[in-house]
């Protein structure tokens, strides 16, 4: 709406400038037949023309100033809208509302890992700057956690049977370094669960779906 109003204001100012030019031309054209005027009349006419020209010049200057202000405001408005859209995009990515793609990592887990180990991996990815995370085809938000079930693991309405994959979008080098550093999360998991194997591979393209969870108040409990 503001962009449309700004365009209309600019158009109105352009028309006003054109009108001033036409008025000035007609005023000057109307000064024909000077041979019939007395010296006093000519003096008065010249004074009036000079006054009118000064008025037109002042009005034109004011209009040009206003035009510049509107253009500057329009530029600032466009930048503000772009900034808001960028922030909204980040929020929607974090909330899992939109499918996303980008560079990232693939984490392949084999062996009888426990739920707390998977959740620790997910938390490490978030701390390292992951923009979006999924386990298999389940997009993770703050409302989803992996839970221990009698026959294995589960996240949302899906059971997880090793081997399974965690996908994350973010800087591949940063995410890989955070996960595999000496004394890091993978090392700690494999010390406490030596039968578990965890492999991290950078990816040029990771595509993640949107969450299937409807928006609403957080329950604080996984849906299983």
Foldseek 3Di string as FASTA:
>chain_A
DVVVVLVVLLVVLVVVLVVLVVVLVVLVVVCPPVVPDDPVVVVVSVVVNVVSVVVSVVVNVVSVVVSVVSVVVVVVVVVVVVVVVVVVVLVCLQQLVAKDKFWAKKKWKADQAAQVLVQLLVVLLVVLPFSWKDKAQATDHPLWGWHADPVGIDIAPDGDDPGTMMITHDDHVSSVCQQPPVVHSVVVRCVVVVRMDMDMDIDGMDIHGGHPDDDDDRPSDGHD
